[in-house]
Amino acid sequence: MNKKHIPMAELYPVMAEKIASGGEVTFRVMGGSMQPMVYHHRDTVTIKRHSGKLKKYDLPFYRRDDGTFILHRVIKLQKDGNYTCRGDNQWEKEYNVRDDQIIGIVTAFERNRKKIDVSTSKGYKFYCKIWPWVHFLKPFYKYFVKFKSIFSKK
């Protein structure tokens, strides 16, 4: 199969039209900010239009004011109606993500050739609730591994 990389900026007009007409779009993920859920150049996500307010743990695909396309998880609903988002593999939070920036919301993703529906998968829902705690412990794990390696050298 001949694969070709097309920049998201070029795909965006077609995607926006498809989503606006009630369709859905599937594309390969680029970047590592959502690991371990989806991996760069390997896994795909399916997005569709979303009406109404997002909920905690939703996965909006949005465009920053600088034109960058982002897929991150809603981690907090702000009092002003905006969202705080963060990638599963990131520490920095992104504040004030607005509804007008949201292109669509992830409804499913394919990982290791297995399609997972985010609205029905119990494993995915468990992951959403447990990952923030596991993610929080990650620096301690890295420190422990480094500390352990110092004393295990011969």
C-alpha atoms as a PDB file:
ATOM      1  CA  MET A   1       0.000   0.000   0.000  1.00  0.00           C
ATOM      2  CA  ASN A   2       1.353   3.412  -0.979  1.00  0.00           C
ATOM      3  CA  LYS A   3       1.021   5.782   1.977  1.00  0.00           C
ATOM      4  CA  LYS A   4       1.251   9.520   1.619  1.00  0.00           C
ATOM      5  CA  HIS A   5       1.451  12.119   4.369  1.00  0.00           C
ATOM      6  CA  ILE A   6      -0.895  15.054   3.787  1.00  0.00           C
ATOM      7  CA  PRO A   7      -0.592  17.967   6.211  1.00  0.00           C
ATOM      8  CA  MET A   8      -3.639  18.507   8.415  1.00  0.00           C
ATOM      9  CA  ALA A   9      -3.932  22.113   7.189  1.00  0.00           C
ATOM     10  CA  GLU A  10      -4.601  20.749   3.682  1.00  0.00           C
ATOM     11  CA  LEU A  11      -7.060  18.127   4.900  1.00  0.00           C
ATOM     12  CA  TYR A  12      -8.920  20.486   7.209  1.00  0.00           C
ATOM     13  CA  PRO A  13     -11.347  22.041   4.654  1.00  0.00           C
ATOM     14  CA  VAL A  14     -12.484  18.582   3.507  1.00  0.00           C
ATOM     15  CA  MET A  15     -12.709  17.307   7.089  1.00  0.00           C
ATOM     16  CA  ALA A  16     -14.666  20.358   8.245  1.00  0.00           C
ATOM     17  CA  GLU A  17     -17.159  19.964   5.399  1.00  0.00           C
ATOM     18  CA  LYS A  18     -17.642  16.247   6.083  1.00  0.00           C
ATOM     19  CA  ILE A  19     -18.107  16.790   9.830  1.00  0.00           C
ATOM     20  CA  ALA A  20     -20.431  19.775   9.331  1.00  0.00           C
ATOM     21  CA  SER A  21     -22.685  17.637   7.136  1.00  0.00           C
ATOM     22  CA  GLY A  22     -23.045  15.040   9.903  1.00  0.00           C
ATOM     23  CA  GLY A  23     -20.355  12.663   8.719  1.00  0.00           C
ATOM     24  CA  GLU A  24     -17.333  11.335  10.496  1.00  0.00           C
ATOM     25  CA  VAL A  25     -13.646  11.422   9.664  1.00  0.00           C
ATOM     26  CA  THR A  26     -10.940   8.891  10.522  1.00  0.00           C
ATOM     27  CA  PHE A  27      -7.266   9.771  10.435  1.00  0.00           C
ATOM     28  CA  ARG A  28      -3.912   8.528  11.707  1.00  0.00           C
ATOM     29  CA  VAL A  29      -2.620  10.175  14.870  1.00  0.00           C
ATOM     30  CA  MET A  30       0.528  12.276  14.692  1.00  0.00           C
ATOM     31  CA  GLY A  31       2.450  13.118  17.839  1.00  0.00           C
ATOM     32  CA  GLY A  32       2.930  11.378  21.160  1.00  0.00           C
ATOM     33  CA  SER A  33       0.822  13.546  23.448  1.00  0.00           C
ATOM     34  CA  MET A  34      -1.984  10.978  23.745  1.00  0.00           C
ATOM     35  CA  GLN A  35       0.169   7.935  24.473  1.00  0.00           C
ATOM     36  CA  PRO A  36      -0.421   5.324  25.778  1.00  0.00           C
ATOM     37  CA  MET A  37      -3.969   5.505  24.402  1.00  0.00           C
ATOM     38  CA  VAL A  38      -2.926   6.087  20.795  1.00  0.00           C
ATOM     39  CA  TYR A  39       0.541   6.065  19.241  1.00  0.00           C
ATOM     40  CA  HIS A  40       2.141   8.328  16.660  1.00  0.00           C
ATOM     41  CA  HIS A  41       1.809   7.137  13.041  1.00  0.00           C
ATOM     42  CA  ARG A  42       0.270   3.836  14.165  1.00  0.00           C
ATOM     43  CA  ASP A  43      -3.248   4.350  15.522  1.00  0.00           C
ATOM     44  CA  THR A  44      -6.289   6.140  14.140  1.00  0.00           C
ATOM     45  CA  VAL A  45      -9.114   8.184  15.641  1.00  0.00           C
ATOM     46  CA  THR A  46     -12.624   8.750  14.341  1.00  0.00           C
ATOM     47  CA  ILE A  47     -14.203  12.120  15.003  1.00  0.00           C
ATOM     48  CA  LYS A  48     -17.635  13.569  14.405  1.00  0.00           C
ATOM     49  CA  ARG A  49     -19.444  16.793  15.147  1.00  0.00           C
ATOM     50  CA  HIS A  50     -20.465  17.360  18.731  1.00  0.00           C
ATOM     51  CA  SER A  51     -23.255  19.623  19.843  1.00  0.00           C
ATOM     52  CA  GLY A  52     -23.660  20.890  23.356  1.00  0.00           C
ATOM     53  CA  LYS A  53     -21.065  21.067  26.087  1.00  0.00           C
ATOM     54  CA  LEU A  54     -18.247  18.582  26.386  1.00  0.00           C
ATOM     55  CA  LYS A  55     -17.867  16.460  29.509  1.00  0.00           C
ATOM     56  CA  LYS A  56     -14.832  15.587  31.564  1.00  0.00           C
ATOM     57  CA  TYR A  57     -12.747  12.903  29.777  1.00  0.00           C
ATOM     58  CA  ASP A  58     -14.140  13.765  26.311  1.00  0.00           C
ATOM     59  CA  LEU A  59     -11.540  13.916  23.536  1.00  0.00           C
ATOM     60  CA  PRO A  60     -12.013  17.023  21.418  1.00  0.00           C
ATOM     61  CA  PHE A  61     -10.054  17.573  18.244  1.00  0.00           C
ATOM     62  CA  TYR A  62      -9.559  21.325  18.086  1.00  0.00           C
ATOM     63  CA  ARG A  63      -7.598  24.070  16.418  1.00  0.00           C
ATOM     64  CA  ARG A  64      -5.644  26.566  18.483  1.00  0.00           C
ATOM     65  CA  ASP A  65      -5.735  30.221  17.573  1.00  0.00           C
ATOM     66  CA  ASP A  66      -2.240  29.821  16.049  1.00  0.00           C
ATOM     67  CA  GLY A  67      -3.601  27.170  13.625  1.00  0.00           C
ATOM     68  CA  THR A  68      -2.155  24.103  15.375  1.00  0.00           C
ATOM     69  CA  PHE A  69      -4.410  21.031  15.410  1.00  0.00           C
ATOM     70  CA  ILE A  70      -4.658  19.284  18.777  1.00  0.00           C
ATOM     71  CA  LEU A  71      -6.242  16.127  20.167  1.00  0.00           C
ATOM     72  CA  HIS A  72      -6.286  16.266  23.977  1.00  0.00           C
ATOM     73  CA  ARG A  73      -8.547  15.163  26.792  1.00  0.00           C
ATOM     74  CA  VAL A  74     -10.884  17.456  28.711  1.00  0.00           C
ATOM     75  CA  ILE A  75      -9.690  17.321  32.309  1.00  0.00           C
ATOM     76  CA  LYS A  76     -11.780  20.160  33.725  1.00  0.00           C
ATOM     77  CA  LEU A  77     -14.835  22.198  32.851  1.00  0.00           C
ATOM     78  CA  GLN A  78     -14.110  25.831  33.651  1.00  0.00           C
ATOM     79  CA  LYS A  79     -16.692  28.124  35.254  1.00  0.00           C
ATOM     80  CA  ASP A  80     -16.677  30.427  32.218  1.00  0.00           C
ATOM     81  CA  GLY A  81     -17.769  27.544  29.929  1.00  0.00           C
ATOM     82  CA  ASN A  82     -14.330  26.857  28.470  1.00  0.00           C
ATOM     83  CA  TYR A  83     -12.283  23.701  28.974  1.00  0.00           C
ATOM     84  CA  THR A  84      -8.953  22.736  30.448  1.00  0.00           C
ATOM     85  CA  CYS A  85      -7.350  20.017  28.331  1.00  0.00           C
ATOM     86  CA  ARG A  86      -4.183  17.949  28.511  1.00  0.00           C
ATOM     87  CA  GLY A  87      -2.632  15.141  26.512  1.00  0.00           C
ATOM     88  CA  ASP A  88      -2.417  11.821  28.355  1.00  0.00           C
ATOM     89  CA  ASN A  89       1.363  11.922  27.969  1.00  0.00           C
ATOM     90  CA  GLN A  90       1.835  15.551  28.983  1.00  0.00           C
ATOM     91  CA  TRP A  91       2.162  17.572  32.167  1.00  0.00           C
ATOM     92  CA  GLU A  92       1.179  20.975  30.850  1.00  0.00           C
ATOM     93  CA  LYS A  93      -2.479  21.882  30.932  1.00  0.00           C
ATOM     94  CA  GLU A  94      -4.047  23.956  28.205  1.00  0.00           C
ATOM     95  CA  TYR A  95      -6.548  26.409  29.617  1.00  0.00           C
ATOM     96  CA  ASN A  96      -9.421  28.215  27.935  1.00  0.00           C
ATOM     97  CA  VAL A  97     -10.147  25.861  25.043  1.00  0.00           C
ATOM     98  CA  ARG A  98     -13.330  27.326  23.571  1.00  0.00           C
ATOM     99  CA  ASP A  99     -16.294  25.654  21.883  1.00  0.00           C
ATOM    100  CA  ASP A 100     -15.640  27.630  18.674  1.00  0.00           C
ATOM    101  CA  GLN A 101     -12.188  25.970  18.405  1.00  0.00           C
ATOM    102  CA  ILE A 102     -13.580  22.428  18.525  1.00  0.00           C
ATOM    103  CA  ILE A 103     -13.731  20.673  15.177  1.00  0.00           C
ATOM    104  CA  GLY A 104     -15.112  17.377  16.440  1.00  0.00           C
ATOM    105  CA  ILE A 105     -14.994  14.829  19.197  1.00  0.00           C
ATOM    106  CA  VAL A 106     -13.453  11.363  19.180  1.00  0.00           C
ATOM    107  CA  THR A 107     -16.094   8.634  19.009  1.00  0.00           C
ATOM    108  CA  ALA A 108     -13.745   5.718  18.419  1.00  0.00           C
ATOM    109  CA  PHE A 109     -10.103   4.889  17.950  1.00  0.00           C
ATOM    110  CA  GLU A 110      -8.236   1.966  16.477  1.00  0.00           C
ATOM    111  CA  ARG A 111      -5.310   0.628  18.430  1.00  0.00           C
ATOM    112  CA  ASN A 112      -3.342  -2.436  17.361  1.00  0.00           C
ATOM    113  CA  ARG A 113      -5.992  -3.060  14.705  1.00  0.00           C
ATOM    114  CA  LYS A 114      -8.762  -3.184  17.298  1.00  0.00           C
ATOM    115  CA  LYS A 115     -11.530  -0.585  17.076  1.00  0.00           C
ATOM    116  CA  ILE A 116     -12.663   0.827  20.419  1.00  0.00           C
ATOM    117  CA  ASP A 117     -15.913   2.762  20.780  1.00  0.00           C
ATOM    118  CA  VAL A 118     -15.380   5.377  23.490  1.00  0.00           C
ATOM    119  CA  SER A 119     -19.055   5.455  24.478  1.00  0.00           C
ATOM    120  CA  THR A 120     -19.417   1.715  25.106  1.00  0.00           C
ATOM    121  CA  SER A 121     -15.994   0.350  26.026  1.00  0.00           C
ATOM    122  CA  LYS A 122     -15.763  -0.397  29.752  1.00  0.00           C
ATOM    123  CA  GLY A 123     -11.993  -0.755  29.463  1.00  0.00           C
ATOM    124  CA  TYR A 124     -11.725   2.715  27.949  1.00  0.00           C
ATOM    125  CA  LYS A 125     -13.923   4.238  30.652  1.00  0.00           C
ATOM    126  CA  PHE A 126     -11.766   2.576  33.308  1.00  0.00           C
ATOM    127  CA  TYR A 127      -8.639   3.942  31.606  1.00  0.00           C
ATOM    128  CA  CYS A 128     -10.076   7.490  31.668  1.00  0.00           C
ATOM    129  CA  LYS A 129     -10.677   7.312  35.397  1.00  0.00           C
ATOM    130  CA  ILE A 130      -7.438   5.570  36.404  1.00  0.00           C
ATOM    131  CA  TRP A 131      -4.967   7.230  34.010  1.00  0.00           C
ATOM    132  CA  PRO A 132      -4.753  10.609  35.826  1.00  0.00           C
ATOM    133  CA  TRP A 133      -3.623   8.749  38.959  1.00  0.00           C
ATOM    134  CA  VAL A 134      -1.167   6.527  37.113  1.00  0.00           C
ATOM    135  CA  HIS A 135       0.093   9.565  35.210  1.00  0.00           C
ATOM    136  CA  PHE A 136       0.599  11.409  38.497  1.00  0.00           C
ATOM    137  CA  LEU A 137       2.807   8.562  39.780  1.00  0.00           C
ATOM    138  CA  LYS A 138       4.950   8.398  36.618  1.00  0.00           C
ATOM    139  CA  PRO A 139       7.730  10.735  37.868  1.00  0.00           C
ATOM    140  CA  PHE A 140       8.073   8.671  41.016  1.00  0.00           C
ATOM    141  CA  TYR A 141       8.438   5.533  38.919  1.00  0.00           C
ATOM    142  CA  LYS A 142      11.121   7.147  36.752  1.00  0.00           C
ATOM    143  CA  TYR A 143      12.957   8.316  39.879  1.00  0.00           C
ATOM    144  CA  PHE A 144      12.722   4.840  41.419  1.00  0.00           C
ATOM    145  CA  VAL A 145      14.106   3.177  38.265  1.00  0.00           C
ATOM    146  CA  LYS A 146      16.985   5.668  38.123  1.00  0.00           C
ATOM    147  CA  PHE A 147      17.677   5.249  41.851  1.00  0.00           C
ATOM    148  CA  LYS A 148      17.547   1.446  41.546  1.00  0.00           C
ATOM    149  CA  SER A 149      19.959   1.446  38.591  1.00  0.00           C
ATOM    150  CA  ILE A 150      22.568   3.390  40.585  1.00  0.00           C
ATOM    151  CA  PHE A 151      22.745   0.637  43.192  1.00  0.00           C
ATOM    152  CA  SER A 152      22.473  -2.312  40.838  1.00  0.00           C
ATOM    153  CA  LYS A 153      25.642  -1.459  38.861  1.00  0.00           C
ATOM    154  CA  LYS A 154      28.547  -3.777  39.479  1.00  0.00           C
END
